[in-house]
């Protein structure tokens, strides 16, 4: 399935979770076309790049779904990037700004070369904070992948890494 075919299964909810926000609901896409969605994310990296990845890190919560499925498909480990207070110690944390507030992300420290996965790239605040957090936690972030890039930030990059997207608006 091409990204255009996948895109038609994403529903739009106006003024959710707050007025002025247009929420892209991926639940119908995951329900109807989960395997092709994971396959589209898999195709964002070359075989050489996949060979340089030890584990995937998924950002809570939809990044868990996508990242864990992709990790299983590729036989890689999976690392949780969670909201504050959800992981037992030891943890490292990172405060960040959202498009409609702020938050704190946490993860348990470790080592390895990571692909960082999330569902949506909007302003880049969460993805940027998660990448910084992964590095702070001892990981080497090798690539960034998102299911959807809303193009609110043209050409988002964390350091020299672009965010690769299966679906672009």
C-alpha atoms as a PDB file:
ATOM      1  CA  UNK A   1       0.000   0.000   0.000  1.00  0.00           C
ATOM      2  CA  UNK A   2       1.256   3.471  -0.791  1.00  0.00           C
ATOM      3  CA  UNK A   3       1.172   6.307   1.679  1.00  0.00           C
ATOM      4  CA  UNK A   4      -1.847   7.732  -0.159  1.00  0.00           C
ATOM      5  CA  UNK A   5      -3.782   4.519   0.418  1.00  0.00           C
ATOM      6  CA  UNK A   6      -2.812   4.497   4.087  1.00  0.00           C
ATOM      7  CA  UNK A   7      -3.691   8.169   4.498  1.00  0.00           C
ATOM      8  CA  UNK A   8      -7.354   7.661   3.636  1.00  0.00           C
ATOM      9  CA  UNK A   9      -7.786   5.550   6.795  1.00  0.00           C
ATOM     10  CA  UNK A  10      -6.686   8.390   9.083  1.00  0.00           C
ATOM     11  CA  UNK A  11      -9.673  10.277  10.471  1.00  0.00           C
ATOM     12  CA  UNK A  12      -9.602  13.951  11.406  1.00  0.00           C
ATOM     13  CA  UNK A  13     -11.165  15.195  14.645  1.00  0.00           C
ATOM     14  CA  UNK A  14     -11.468  18.963  14.933  1.00  0.00           C
ATOM     15  CA  UNK A  15     -10.910  20.663  18.298  1.00  0.00           C
ATOM     16  CA  UNK A  16      -9.478  17.547  19.950  1.00  0.00           C
ATOM     17  CA  UNK A  17      -7.977  17.342  22.530  1.00  0.00           C
ATOM     18  CA  UNK A  18      -8.360  21.131  22.765  1.00  0.00           C
ATOM     19  CA  UNK A  19      -9.992  23.851  20.661  1.00  0.00           C
ATOM     20  CA  UNK A  20      -7.909  24.726  17.621  1.00  0.00           C
ATOM     21  CA  UNK A  21      -6.214  21.308  17.367  1.00  0.00           C
ATOM     22  CA  UNK A  22      -6.930  19.053  14.377  1.00  0.00           C
ATOM     23  CA  UNK A  23      -6.263  15.530  15.682  1.00  0.00           C
ATOM     24  CA  UNK A  24      -5.276  12.848  13.182  1.00  0.00           C
ATOM     25  CA  UNK A  25      -6.734   9.580  14.489  1.00  0.00           C
ATOM     26  CA  UNK A  26      -4.655   6.585  13.373  1.00  0.00           C
ATOM     27  CA  UNK A  27      -6.892   4.020  15.164  1.00  0.00           C
ATOM     28  CA  UNK A  28      -8.846   3.122  11.978  1.00  0.00           C
ATOM     29  CA  UNK A  29      -5.584   2.753  10.047  1.00  0.00           C
ATOM     30  CA  UNK A  30      -4.126   0.421  12.668  1.00  0.00           C
ATOM     31  CA  UNK A  31      -7.381  -1.534  12.913  1.00  0.00           C
ATOM     32  CA  UNK A  32      -7.791  -2.041   9.151  1.00  0.00           C
ATOM     33  CA  UNK A  33      -4.203  -1.982   7.821  1.00  0.00           C
ATOM     34  CA  UNK A  34      -1.730  -2.612  10.631  1.00  0.00           C
ATOM     35  CA  UNK A  35       0.670  -4.863   8.691  1.00  0.00           C
ATOM     36  CA  UNK A  36       0.958  -2.483   5.700  1.00  0.00           C
ATOM     37  CA  UNK A  37       1.475   0.409   8.130  1.00  0.00           C
ATOM     38  CA  UNK A  38       4.379  -1.373   9.816  1.00  0.00           C
ATOM     39  CA  UNK A  39       5.726  -2.332   6.384  1.00  0.00           C
ATOM     40  CA  UNK A  40       5.658   1.329   5.312  1.00  0.00           C
ATOM     41  CA  UNK A  41       7.686   2.275   8.405  1.00  0.00           C
ATOM     42  CA  UNK A  42      10.090  -0.595   7.750  1.00  0.00           C
ATOM     43  CA  UNK A  43      10.751   0.797   4.272  1.00  0.00           C
ATOM     44  CA  UNK A  44      11.986   4.115   5.671  1.00  0.00           C
ATOM     45  CA  UNK A  45      15.438   2.605   6.343  1.00  0.00           C
ATOM     46  CA  UNK A  46      17.715   0.771   3.946  1.00  0.00           C
ATOM     47  CA  UNK A  47      18.937  -2.747   4.724  1.00  0.00           C
ATOM     48  CA  UNK A  48      22.366  -1.278   5.518  1.00  0.00           C
ATOM     49  CA  UNK A  49      20.791   1.158   7.991  1.00  0.00           C
ATOM     50  CA  UNK A  50      18.760  -1.639   9.602  1.00  0.00           C
ATOM     51  CA  UNK A  51      22.014  -3.523  10.111  1.00  0.00           C
ATOM     52  CA  UNK A  52      23.278  -0.603  12.200  1.00  0.00           C
ATOM     53  CA  UNK A  53      20.262  -0.586  14.554  1.00  0.00           C
ATOM     54  CA  UNK A  54      20.312  -2.587  17.808  1.00  0.00           C
ATOM     55  CA  UNK A  55      16.929  -1.543  19.168  1.00  0.00           C
ATOM     56  CA  UNK A  56      13.965   0.711  18.574  1.00  0.00           C
ATOM     57  CA  UNK A  57      12.739   3.286  21.070  1.00  0.00           C
ATOM     58  CA  UNK A  58       9.031   4.104  21.020  1.00  0.00           C
ATOM     59  CA  UNK A  59       7.507   7.256  22.466  1.00  0.00           C
ATOM     60  CA  UNK A  60       4.415   6.776  24.662  1.00  0.00           C
ATOM     61  CA  UNK A  61       1.886   5.729  23.678  1.00  0.00           C
ATOM     62  CA  UNK A  62       1.249   5.223  19.978  1.00  0.00           C
ATOM     63  CA  UNK A  63       5.008   5.080  19.380  1.00  0.00           C
ATOM     64  CA  UNK A  64       4.920   1.927  21.545  1.00  0.00           C
ATOM     65  CA  UNK A  65       2.487   0.246  19.181  1.00  0.00           C
ATOM     66  CA  UNK A  66       4.393   1.129  16.033  1.00  0.00           C
ATOM     67  CA  UNK A  67       7.900   0.750  17.420  1.00  0.00           C
ATOM     68  CA  UNK A  68       7.276  -2.582  19.139  1.00  0.00           C
ATOM     69  CA  UNK A  69       5.692  -4.074  16.011  1.00  0.00           C
ATOM     70  CA  UNK A  70       8.587  -2.856  13.903  1.00  0.00           C
ATOM     71  CA  UNK A  71      11.135  -4.159  16.438  1.00  0.00           C
ATOM     72  CA  UNK A  72       9.473  -7.588  16.382  1.00  0.00           C
ATOM     73  CA  UNK A  73       9.425  -7.584  12.567  1.00  0.00           C
ATOM     74  CA  UNK A  74      13.152  -6.822  12.487  1.00  0.00           C
ATOM     75  CA  UNK A  75      14.212  -8.977  15.455  1.00  0.00           C
ATOM     76  CA  UNK A  76      15.421  -5.941  17.409  1.00  0.00           C
ATOM     77  CA  UNK A  77      15.073  -4.903  21.035  1.00  0.00           C
ATOM     78  CA  UNK A  78      12.587  -2.306  22.214  1.00  0.00           C
ATOM     79  CA  UNK A  79      13.117   0.641  24.593  1.00  0.00           C
ATOM     80  CA  UNK A  80      10.298   2.569  26.285  1.00  0.00           C
ATOM     81  CA  UNK A  81      10.218   6.378  26.299  1.00  0.00           C
ATOM     82  CA  UNK A  82       7.481   7.142  28.821  1.00  0.00           C
ATOM     83  CA  UNK A  83       5.700   9.995  30.500  1.00  0.00           C
ATOM     84  CA  UNK A  84       7.033  10.925  33.924  1.00  0.00           C
ATOM     85  CA  UNK A  85       6.397   8.554  36.806  1.00  0.00           C
ATOM     86  CA  UNK A  86       5.653   5.434  34.746  1.00  0.00           C
ATOM     87  CA  UNK A  87       9.028   3.646  34.970  1.00  0.00           C
ATOM     88  CA  UNK A  88      10.842   2.309  38.030  1.00  0.00           C
ATOM     89  CA  UNK A  89      14.295   3.755  38.744  1.00  0.00           C
ATOM     90  CA  UNK A  90      16.873   4.293  37.599  1.00  0.00           C
ATOM     91  CA  UNK A  91      15.586   6.721  34.975  1.00  0.00           C
ATOM     92  CA  UNK A  92      16.828   9.769  33.109  1.00  0.00           C
ATOM     93  CA  UNK A  93      14.367  12.523  32.226  1.00  0.00           C
ATOM     94  CA  UNK A  94      13.834  15.437  29.871  1.00  0.00           C
ATOM     95  CA  UNK A  95      11.366  18.332  30.132  1.00  0.00           C
ATOM     96  CA  UNK A  96       9.851  19.531  26.844  1.00  0.00           C
ATOM     97  CA  UNK A  97       7.141  21.713  25.318  1.00  0.00           C
ATOM     98  CA  UNK A  98       4.123  20.391  23.439  1.00  0.00           C
ATOM     99  CA  UNK A  99       1.955  22.270  20.981  1.00  0.00           C
ATOM    100  CA  UNK A 100      -0.630  22.573  23.774  1.00  0.00           C
ATOM    101  CA  UNK A 101       1.365  22.358  27.027  1.00  0.00           C
ATOM    102  CA  UNK A 102       4.521  20.819  28.433  1.00  0.00           C
ATOM    103  CA  UNK A 103       5.646  17.478  29.787  1.00  0.00           C
ATOM    104  CA  UNK A 104       8.477  15.299  31.022  1.00  0.00           C
ATOM    105  CA  UNK A 105       9.716  12.142  29.325  1.00  0.00           C
ATOM    106  CA  UNK A 106      11.666   9.395  31.071  1.00  0.00           C
ATOM    107  CA  UNK A 107      13.541   6.261  30.113  1.00  0.00           C
ATOM    108  CA  UNK A 108      15.776   3.724  31.748  1.00  0.00           C
ATOM    109  CA  UNK A 109      19.435   4.142  30.787  1.00  0.00           C
ATOM    110  CA  UNK A 110      21.148   1.680  28.490  1.00  0.00           C
ATOM    111  CA  UNK A 111      23.393   1.319  25.473  1.00  0.00           C
ATOM    112  CA  UNK A 112      23.012   0.637  21.797  1.00  0.00           C
ATOM    113  CA  UNK A 113      22.197   2.149  18.440  1.00  0.00           C
ATOM    114  CA  UNK A 114      18.567   3.258  18.211  1.00  0.00           C
ATOM    115  CA  UNK A 115      15.847   4.027  15.750  1.00  0.00           C
ATOM    116  CA  UNK A 116      13.467   6.422  17.538  1.00  0.00           C
ATOM    117  CA  UNK A 117       9.803   5.948  16.533  1.00  0.00           C
ATOM    118  CA  UNK A 118       6.685   8.049  17.109  1.00  0.00           C
ATOM    119  CA  UNK A 119       3.274   8.340  15.506  1.00  0.00           C
ATOM    120  CA  UNK A 120       3.087  12.031  14.581  1.00  0.00           C
ATOM    121  CA  UNK A 121       5.573  14.829  14.014  1.00  0.00           C
ATOM    122  CA  UNK A 122       3.820  18.150  14.662  1.00  0.00           C
ATOM    123  CA  UNK A 123       6.034  20.886  16.116  1.00  0.00           C
ATOM    124  CA  UNK A 124       8.942  18.526  16.789  1.00  0.00           C
ATOM    125  CA  UNK A 125       9.037  19.180  20.527  1.00  0.00           C
ATOM    126  CA  UNK A 126       8.380  15.600  21.599  1.00  0.00           C
ATOM    127  CA  UNK A 127      10.672  14.017  19.001  1.00  0.00           C
ATOM    128  CA  UNK A 128      13.485  16.444  19.800  1.00  0.00           C
ATOM    129  CA  UNK A 129      13.152  15.863  23.555  1.00  0.00           C
ATOM    130  CA  UNK A 130      12.985  12.088  23.110  1.00  0.00           C
ATOM    131  CA  UNK A 131      16.135  12.067  20.957  1.00  0.00           C
ATOM    132  CA  UNK A 132      17.975  14.190  23.525  1.00  0.00           C
ATOM    133  CA  UNK A 133      16.704  11.902  26.276  1.00  0.00           C
ATOM    134  CA  UNK A 134      17.900   8.786  24.457  1.00  0.00           C
ATOM    135  CA  UNK A 135      21.350  10.286  24.134  1.00  0.00           C
ATOM    136  CA  UNK A 136      21.322  11.359  27.788  1.00  0.00           C
ATOM    137  CA  UNK A 137      20.331   7.787  28.643  1.00  0.00           C
ATOM    138  CA  UNK A 138      23.437   6.367  26.947  1.00  0.00           C
ATOM    139  CA  UNK A 139      22.006   5.467  23.548  1.00  0.00           C
ATOM    140  CA  UNK A 140      23.255   6.408  20.083  1.00  0.00           C
ATOM    141  CA  UNK A 141      20.298   7.676  18.027  1.00  0.00           C
ATOM    142  CA  UNK A 142      20.901   6.641  14.419  1.00  0.00           C
ATOM    143  CA  UNK A 143      17.547   7.478  12.806  1.00  0.00           C
ATOM    144  CA  UNK A 144      14.141   9.051  13.468  1.00  0.00           C
ATOM    145  CA  UNK A 145      10.918   7.633  12.031  1.00  0.00           C
ATOM    146  CA  UNK A 146       7.336   8.816  12.323  1.00  0.00           C
ATOM    147  CA  UNK A 147       4.163   7.481  10.812  1.00  0.00           C
ATOM    148  CA  UNK A 148       2.844  10.980  10.007  1.00  0.00           C
ATOM    149  CA  UNK A 149       4.633  14.274   9.364  1.00  0.00           C
ATOM    150  CA  UNK A 150       2.103  17.111   9.559  1.00  0.00           C
ATOM    151  CA  UNK A 151       4.657  19.479   7.966  1.00  0.00           C
ATOM    152  CA  UNK A 152       4.169  22.104  10.647  1.00  0.00           C
ATOM    153  CA  UNK A 153       7.970  22.292  10.754  1.00  0.00           C
ATOM    154  CA  UNK A 154       9.423  22.085   7.262  1.00  0.00           C
ATOM    155  CA  UNK A 155      12.466  19.842   7.134  1.00  0.00           C
ATOM    156  CA  UNK A 156      12.593  18.901  10.832  1.00  0.00           C
ATOM    157  CA  UNK A 157      15.978  17.594  11.918  1.00  0.00           C
ATOM    158  CA  UNK A 158      17.492  16.530  15.189  1.00  0.00           C
ATOM    159  CA  UNK A 159      21.141  17.369  14.811  1.00  0.00           C
ATOM    160  CA  UNK A 160      21.988  15.943  11.388  1.00  0.00           C
ATOM    161  CA  UNK A 161      19.151  13.382  11.341  1.00  0.00           C
ATOM    162  CA  UNK A 162      15.984  14.128   9.382  1.00  0.00           C
ATOM    163  CA  UNK A 163      12.667  12.721  10.549  1.00  0.00           C
ATOM    164  CA  UNK A 164      11.571  10.123   8.010  1.00  0.00           C
ATOM    165  CA  UNK A 165       7.822   9.764   7.539  1.00  0.00           C
ATOM    166  CA  UNK A 166       5.615   7.116   5.966  1.00  0.00           C
ATOM    167  CA  UNK A 167       2.779   9.643   5.478  1.00  0.00           C
ATOM    168  CA  UNK A 168       3.225  13.367   4.826  1.00  0.00           C
ATOM    169  CA  UNK A 169       0.489  16.021   4.923  1.00  0.00           C
END
